[in-house]
Amino acid sequence: MSKQRFAVSYDIVTDESAAHGDVEERGYVCADAPLSIAVTYFVNTRTVHCDSGDGLQVGDDWLTFHNGMEFFTGAYETRYFHFPATITNASRERIIRLIRNR
């Protein structure tokens, strides 16, 4: 059986892109990483919630991390931690606890 692989994506919103209802930049920080690498991208996050908007819950496809405003540019970065489709609910719960406690 192969190990689970995780993806981390991001988007950056500036005042100019927000005025047009879009993002300035989006992409992947990593697209096929082990859990130990993927979680390191969320050590310094300020706010955490799931795609349901109701806080961290089992069953969501990704976690959303709002990193806040970048001091020099004023841009806002959001990162998304994507769970593999084959992950079990028990593993998902353990990962959520791990990330919340960082």
Protein backbone atom coordinates (compact mmCIF):
# COMPACT_ATOMS: atom_id res chain seq x y z
CA MET A 1 0.00 0.00 0.00
CA SER A 2 1.36 3.42 -0.91
CA LYS A 3 1.68 6.34 1.49
CA GLN A 4 -0.90 9.13 1.41
CA ARG A 5 0.22 12.24 -0.51
CA PHE A 6 -1.04 15.76 0.21
CA ALA A 7 -1.35 18.96 -1.78
CA VAL A 8 -1.02 22.54 -0.59
CA SER A 9 -2.29 25.35 -2.80
CA TYR A 10 -2.40 29.11 -2.31
CA ASP A 11 -3.85 32.31 -3.61
CA ILE A 12 -2.75 35.90 -3.11
CA VAL A 13 -5.18 38.81 -3.19
CA THR A 14 -4.07 42.42 -3.60
CA ASP A 15 -6.18 45.58 -3.48
CA GLU A 16 -6.06 45.74 -7.27
CA SER A 17 -7.08 42.13 -7.83
CA ALA A 18 -9.85 42.40 -5.23
CA ALA A 19 -11.25 45.43 -7.07
CA HIS A 20 -11.64 43.16 -10.12
CA GLY A 21 -13.10 40.27 -8.06
CA ASP A 22 -10.11 38.03 -8.71
CA VAL A 23 -6.81 36.91 -7.21
CA GLU A 24 -3.40 38.25 -8.15
CA GLU A 25 -1.76 34.82 -8.12
CA ARG A 26 -2.67 31.20 -7.41
CA GLY A 27 -0.88 27.89 -7.58
CA TYR A 28 0.54 25.00 -5.64
CA VAL A 29 3.14 25.17 -2.89
CA CYS A 30 3.40 21.38 -3.22
CA ALA A 31 1.25 18.99 -5.22
CA ASP A 32 2.41 15.55 -4.09
CA ALA A 33 4.03 15.77 -0.65
CA PRO A 34 4.14 13.54 2.41
CA LEU A 35 2.22 14.78 5.44
CA SER A 36 5.40 15.75 7.30
CA ILE A 37 6.29 18.26 4.55
CA ALA A 38 2.76 19.54 3.86
CA VAL A 39 2.00 20.54 7.47
CA THR A 40 5.17 22.63 7.73
CA TYR A 41 3.56 25.25 5.49
CA PHE A 42 1.07 26.13 8.27
CA VAL A 43 3.28 26.72 11.30
CA ASN A 44 2.73 30.49 11.43
CA THR A 45 -0.91 30.78 10.40
CA ARG A 46 -3.25 33.17 12.17
CA THR A 47 -6.73 31.81 11.38
CA VAL A 48 -7.79 28.26 10.53
CA HIS A 49 -11.13 26.99 9.22
CA CYS A 50 -12.45 24.26 6.94
CA ASP A 51 -14.19 24.72 3.62
CA SER A 52 -17.55 24.32 5.41
CA GLY A 53 -16.97 27.62 7.22
CA ASP A 54 -17.97 26.09 10.58
CA GLY A 55 -14.50 25.44 12.00
CA LEU A 56 -12.48 22.26 11.75
CA GLN A 57 -14.75 19.33 10.94
CA VAL A 58 -14.23 15.80 9.69
CA GLY A 59 -15.46 15.23 6.15
CA ASP A 60 -14.15 18.40 4.53
CA ASP A 61 -11.95 18.11 1.45
CA TRP A 62 -9.51 20.80 2.50
CA LEU A 63 -8.51 23.14 5.32
CA THR A 64 -8.19 26.86 4.71
CA PHE A 65 -5.47 28.98 6.29
CA HIS A 66 -5.62 32.78 6.15
CA ASN A 67 -2.11 34.08 6.70
CA GLY A 68 -3.14 37.72 6.96
CA MET A 69 -1.67 40.77 5.30
CA GLU A 70 1.94 40.91 4.14
CA PHE A 71 3.46 43.99 5.77
CA PHE A 72 5.36 45.43 2.81
CA THR A 73 2.97 44.75 -0.08
CA GLY A 74 -0.44 44.70 1.62
CA ALA A 75 -1.28 41.43 -0.15
CA TYR A 76 -3.28 38.69 1.60
CA GLU A 77 -2.26 35.07 1.24
CA THR A 78 -4.55 32.09 1.79
CA ARG A 79 -3.31 28.51 1.74
CA TYR A 80 -5.36 25.35 1.28
CA PHE A 81 -4.38 21.96 2.70
CA HIS A 82 -5.99 19.29 0.48
CA PHE A 83 -6.76 15.85 1.88
CA PRO A 84 -6.26 12.84 -0.42
CA ALA A 85 -9.53 11.28 -1.60
CA THR A 86 -8.57 7.94 -0.05
CA ILE A 87 -7.91 9.17 3.49
CA THR A 88 -9.97 7.67 6.32
CA ASN A 89 -12.00 9.80 8.71
CA ALA A 90 -9.83 8.68 11.63
CA SER A 91 -6.67 9.82 9.85
CA ARG A 92 -8.36 13.08 8.87
CA GLU A 93 -9.22 13.73 12.53
CA ARG A 94 -5.63 13.07 13.63
CA ILE A 95 -4.27 15.46 10.99
CA ILE A 96 -6.74 18.18 11.98
CA ARG A 97 -5.64 17.83 15.63
CA LEU A 98 -1.98 17.95 14.57
CA ILE A 99 -2.46 21.13 12.55
CA ARG A 100 -4.60 22.87 15.18
CA ASN A 101 -1.99 22.20 17.86
CA ARG A 102 0.93 23.67 15.86
